[in-house]
Protein backbone atom coordinates (compact mmCIF):
# COMPACT_ATOMS: atom_id res chain seq x y z
CA MET A 1 28.09 -43.34 -84.90
CA ARG A 2 28.95 -41.50 -81.69
CA LEU A 3 30.26 -44.65 -79.99
CA GLU A 4 32.19 -46.11 -82.91
CA GLY A 5 35.24 -48.01 -81.70
CA LYS A 6 33.94 -48.18 -78.14
CA SER A 7 33.13 -51.32 -76.18
CA ALA A 8 30.61 -51.48 -73.36
CA ILE A 9 29.31 -53.76 -70.65
CA ILE A 10 25.63 -53.32 -69.77
CA THR A 11 24.48 -55.11 -66.63
CA GLY A 12 20.81 -56.04 -66.59
CA GLY A 13 20.95 -55.66 -70.35
CA GLY A 14 18.51 -58.43 -71.14
CA SER A 15 15.36 -56.37 -70.62
CA GLY A 16 13.93 -52.94 -69.81
CA PHE A 17 16.23 -49.95 -69.64
CA GLY A 18 19.32 -52.10 -70.12
CA ALA A 19 18.03 -53.50 -73.40
CA GLY A 20 17.19 -49.97 -74.53
CA ILE A 21 20.74 -48.87 -73.78
CA ALA A 22 22.16 -51.89 -75.62
CA ARG A 23 20.11 -51.15 -78.74
CA LYS A 24 21.12 -47.48 -78.78
CA PHE A 25 24.79 -48.20 -78.16
CA ALA A 26 24.93 -50.80 -80.93
CA ALA A 27 23.18 -48.43 -83.32
CA GLU A 28 25.82 -45.81 -82.51
CA GLY A 29 28.68 -48.20 -83.31
CA ALA A 30 29.61 -49.72 -79.94
CA ARG A 31 30.40 -53.37 -79.29
CA VAL A 32 28.29 -54.49 -76.35
CA MET A 33 28.25 -57.23 -73.76
CA ILE A 34 24.79 -57.98 -72.41
CA ALA A 35 25.37 -59.14 -68.83
CA ASP A 36 22.29 -60.52 -67.11
CA ILE A 37 21.22 -63.12 -64.58
CA ASN A 38 18.66 -64.26 -67.17
CA ILE A 39 20.93 -65.67 -69.84
CA GLU A 40 18.06 -66.38 -72.26
CA THR A 41 16.98 -62.74 -72.45
CA ALA A 42 20.64 -61.68 -72.60
CA ARG A 43 21.20 -63.95 -75.59
CA ALA A 44 18.09 -62.64 -77.32
CA VAL A 45 19.21 -59.00 -77.01
CA ALA A 46 22.81 -59.87 -77.91
CA GLU A 47 21.64 -61.62 -81.06
CA GLU A 48 19.45 -58.66 -81.97
CA VAL A 49 22.26 -56.09 -81.63
CA GLY A 50 25.24 -58.18 -82.68
CA GLY A 51 26.71 -58.28 -79.20
CA ILE A 52 27.74 -61.00 -76.79
CA ALA A 53 25.81 -62.40 -73.83
CA GLN A 54 27.24 -63.19 -70.41
CA PHE A 55 25.54 -64.80 -67.44
CA THR A 56 26.23 -62.46 -64.51
CA ASP A 57 24.90 -62.28 -60.99
CA VAL A 58 26.04 -58.79 -60.04
CA ALA A 59 25.71 -59.53 -56.31
CA PHE A 60 28.54 -62.08 -56.37
CA SER A 61 32.22 -61.25 -56.71
CA GLY A 62 33.22 -64.29 -58.76
CA SER A 63 30.46 -63.72 -61.29
CA VAL A 64 31.39 -60.06 -61.77
CA LYS A 65 35.08 -60.97 -62.08
CA ASP A 66 34.22 -63.47 -64.82
CA MET A 67 32.14 -60.81 -66.59
CA ALA A 68 35.00 -58.32 -66.59
CA GLU A 69 37.56 -60.86 -67.77
CA GLU A 70 35.32 -62.15 -70.55
CA ALA A 71 34.62 -58.63 -71.82
CA ILE A 72 38.29 -57.65 -71.84
CA SER A 73 39.16 -60.90 -73.60
CA ALA A 74 36.43 -60.47 -76.23
CA PHE A 75 36.88 -56.77 -76.92
CA GLY A 76 40.49 -56.14 -75.91
CA LYS A 77 39.29 -53.25 -73.75
CA VAL A 78 36.22 -51.94 -71.93
CA ASP A 79 35.55 -48.25 -72.52
CA ILE A 80 32.09 -48.00 -70.97
CA LEU A 81 30.48 -49.65 -67.96
CA ILE A 82 26.73 -49.35 -67.44
CA ASN A 83 25.64 -50.36 -63.94
CA ASN A 84 21.98 -50.88 -64.78
CA ALA A 85 20.98 -54.09 -62.98
CA GLY A 86 18.53 -53.34 -60.20
CA ILE A 87 15.61 -54.69 -58.19
CA THR A 88 13.08 -53.43 -55.68
CA HIS A 89 11.02 -54.76 -52.82
CA ARG A 90 7.25 -54.72 -52.95
CA PRO A 91 5.62 -51.55 -51.59
CA GLY A 92 4.84 -51.60 -47.90
CA PRO A 93 5.66 -50.02 -44.53
CA LEU A 94 9.42 -49.82 -44.01
CA GLU A 95 9.32 -51.95 -40.85
CA GLY A 96 7.44 -54.69 -42.68
CA VAL A 97 10.01 -55.39 -45.40
CA ALA A 98 11.63 -58.81 -44.92
CA GLU A 99 15.31 -58.78 -44.01
CA SER A 100 16.02 -61.10 -46.93
CA ASP A 101 14.40 -58.61 -49.33
CA PHE A 102 16.42 -55.75 -47.84
CA ASP A 103 19.64 -57.73 -48.24
CA LYS A 104 18.84 -58.53 -51.87
CA VAL A 105 18.01 -54.91 -52.75
CA LEU A 106 21.29 -53.71 -51.24
CA ALA A 107 23.32 -56.47 -52.89
CA VAL A 108 21.95 -55.88 -56.39
CA ASN A 109 21.56 -52.09 -56.29
CA THR A 110 24.67 -51.08 -54.33
CA LYS A 111 27.19 -53.89 -53.80
CA SER A 112 27.15 -54.53 -57.55
CA ILE A 113 28.66 -51.09 -58.17
CA PHE A 114 31.42 -51.84 -55.65
CA LEU A 115 32.14 -55.13 -57.42
CA THR A 116 32.16 -53.80 -60.99
CA ALA A 117 34.47 -50.99 -59.84
CA LYS A 118 36.77 -53.51 -58.18
CA TYR A 119 37.25 -55.46 -61.39
CA LEU A 120 36.99 -52.77 -64.07
CA VAL A 121 38.32 -49.50 -62.63
CA PRO A 122 41.94 -50.76 -62.64
CA HIS A 123 41.55 -51.59 -66.34
CA MET A 124 40.19 -48.10 -67.08
CA LYS A 125 42.89 -46.44 -65.00
CA ALA A 126 45.56 -48.29 -66.96
CA ALA A 127 43.98 -47.06 -70.20
CA GLY A 128 43.72 -43.50 -68.88
CA ALA A 129 40.11 -43.28 -70.00
CA GLY A 130 36.66 -44.67 -69.38
CA ALA A 131 33.04 -43.83 -68.72
CA ILE A 132 30.94 -45.35 -65.96
CA LEU A 133 27.21 -44.75 -65.86
CA ASN A 134 25.17 -45.78 -62.83
CA VAL A 135 21.40 -46.08 -63.23
CA ALA A 136 19.88 -44.50 -60.13
CA SER A 137 16.25 -43.36 -59.88
CA THR A 138 14.09 -40.38 -59.11
CA ALA A 139 13.30 -42.40 -55.96
CA GLY A 140 16.77 -41.48 -54.73
CA ILE A 141 16.01 -37.76 -55.17
CA SER A 142 12.32 -37.49 -54.32
CA PRO A 143 11.36 -40.68 -52.42
CA ARG A 144 7.95 -42.29 -52.69
CA PRO A 145 6.28 -43.66 -49.54
CA ASN A 146 6.38 -47.42 -48.95
CA LEU A 147 9.50 -47.98 -51.06
CA ASN A 148 11.83 -46.90 -48.30
CA TRP A 149 14.76 -49.28 -48.72
CA TYR A 150 14.66 -49.07 -52.52
CA ASN A 151 14.68 -45.27 -52.23
CA ALA A 152 17.65 -45.47 -49.88
CA SER A 153 19.58 -47.77 -52.20
CA LYS A 154 19.17 -45.36 -55.10
CA GLY A 155 20.23 -42.44 -52.91
CA TRP A 156 23.38 -44.46 -52.21
CA VAL A 157 23.92 -44.85 -55.96
CA ILE A 158 23.80 -41.07 -56.40
CA THR A 159 26.32 -40.44 -53.62
CA ALA A 160 28.57 -43.23 -54.90
CA THR A 161 28.48 -41.68 -58.36
CA ARG A 162 29.63 -38.31 -57.07
CA THR A 163 32.43 -39.64 -54.91
CA MET A 164 33.64 -42.00 -57.66
CA ALA A 165 33.69 -39.05 -60.06
CA VAL A 166 35.87 -36.98 -57.73
CA GLU A 167 38.35 -39.78 -57.16
CA LEU A 168 38.57 -41.06 -60.72
CA ALA A 169 38.65 -37.77 -62.65
CA PRO A 170 42.46 -37.44 -62.44
CA ALA A 171 42.72 -40.93 -63.96
CA GLY A 172 40.62 -39.88 -66.97
CA VAL A 173 37.55 -41.85 -65.92
CA ARG A 174 34.18 -40.08 -65.90
CA VAL A 175 31.31 -41.26 -63.68
CA ASN A 176 27.72 -40.10 -64.06
CA ALA A 177 24.24 -41.31 -63.19
CA LEU A 178 20.79 -41.38 -64.70
CA ALA A 179 17.68 -40.89 -62.59
CA PRO A 180 14.73 -42.31 -64.54
CA VAL A 181 11.15 -42.09 -63.42
CA ALA A 182 9.14 -45.32 -63.38
CA GLY A 183 9.15 -46.88 -66.82
CA GLU A 184 7.60 -49.55 -68.99
CA THR A 185 9.92 -52.29 -67.73
CA PRO A 186 9.51 -55.60 -65.89
CA LEU A 187 9.96 -53.72 -62.58
CA LEU A 188 6.94 -51.46 -63.07
CA ALA A 189 4.43 -53.83 -61.50
CA ALA A 190 6.72 -54.34 -58.50
CA PHE A 191 6.99 -50.58 -57.95
CA MET A 192 3.25 -50.11 -58.06
CA GLY A 193 2.37 -53.20 -56.07
CA GLU A 194 -0.17 -54.15 -58.70
CA ASP A 195 -0.47 -53.23 -62.37
CA THR A 196 -3.99 -51.86 -62.67
CA PRO A 197 -5.39 -48.87 -64.56
CA GLU A 198 -5.98 -47.13 -61.21
CA MET A 199 -2.40 -47.61 -60.02
CA ARG A 200 -1.01 -46.49 -63.36
CA GLU A 201 -3.13 -43.35 -63.21
CA LYS A 202 -1.89 -42.66 -59.68
CA PHE A 203 1.75 -42.90 -60.76
CA LEU A 204 1.23 -40.96 -64.00
CA SER A 205 -0.42 -38.12 -62.08
CA THR A 206 3.00 -37.35 -60.52
CA ILE A 207 4.74 -37.04 -63.92
CA PRO A 208 4.03 -33.65 -65.57
CA ILE A 209 4.77 -34.91 -69.09
CA GLY A 210 2.12 -37.54 -68.48
CA ARG A 211 3.81 -40.78 -69.47
CA PHE A 212 6.24 -43.36 -68.14
CA SER A 213 9.86 -43.35 -69.28
CA THR A 214 10.80 -45.80 -72.01
CA PRO A 215 13.93 -47.85 -72.73
CA GLU A 216 14.52 -45.55 -75.70
CA ASP A 217 14.50 -42.47 -73.44
CA ILE A 218 17.13 -44.02 -71.21
CA GLY A 219 19.20 -45.28 -74.13
CA ASN A 220 19.37 -41.81 -75.66
CA ALA A 221 20.44 -40.19 -72.38
CA ALA A 222 23.01 -42.91 -71.69
CA CYS A 223 24.49 -42.54 -75.15
CA TYR A 224 25.12 -38.83 -74.63
CA LEU A 225 26.70 -39.20 -71.19
CA CYS A 226 29.00 -42.00 -72.35
CA SER A 227 30.04 -40.32 -75.61
CA ASP A 228 32.94 -37.94 -76.13
CA GLU A 229 30.37 -35.15 -76.48
CA ALA A 230 30.06 -35.28 -72.67
CA SER A 231 33.81 -35.20 -72.04
CA MET A 232 33.43 -32.31 -69.56
CA ILE A 233 30.61 -33.94 -67.59
CA THR A 234 31.34 -36.04 -64.52
CA GLY A 235 29.59 -36.44 -61.19
CA SER A 236 26.26 -35.42 -62.71
CA VAL A 237 22.86 -37.01 -62.14
CA LEU A 238 20.69 -36.55 -65.21
CA LYS A 239 16.99 -36.78 -64.44
CA VAL A 240 15.00 -38.50 -67.18
CA ASP A 241 11.73 -38.06 -65.40
CA GLY A 242 9.22 -36.01 -67.40
CA GLY A 243 9.37 -33.32 -64.71
CA ARG A 244 8.58 -35.52 -61.70
CA CYS A 245 11.32 -34.01 -59.52
CA ILE A 246 10.49 -30.36 -60.22
């Protein structure tokens, strides 16, 4: 029960890594809000873990503001914020990515962190405590060809994490990031371009441990970084990558 008494918001919590984090946090005693643009999957996970579901489009200020206000109203406080929601563009030459796809990747992967900070950092500052965890990617550390703008967005997440950590440490708020390798999530097919045995083998050949990451892997790592056991850790990027970035 490492998160007993804590409350958490998990964006993109209706599937994939976010759902894995929600399950782990609930098992460790946290109250969780599952915030997702897909309200049906959010409700399903919330029902499974005894949490609450909230429709949230993380790219829009009003939607994120509503999320923050609903969580504070329901829980009385928000101790942990997980910025997990993310998307990618389909693989292809960088000059061939549509401007609309670029805009969407930046809005969901980067602007969302600006917006959640805008509406939740003041609350954490007032409490004198808090933990923010941004889900980055190994793509932001060791980029793959043909995912240029996704890679760049996750590099932004890593830099944002470090600068947020420096600024918020005096206020008692810790900020860290996870860098997962490709995992068994709804985004996997989009990363690969097509989900075939050949493409899976190509991706797996770059991971020394020889498997994709799982929601459970990410949930376990997130739990540690957001627990009091990690009270001296801020500004870190924990690779959960089976050795891909070695």
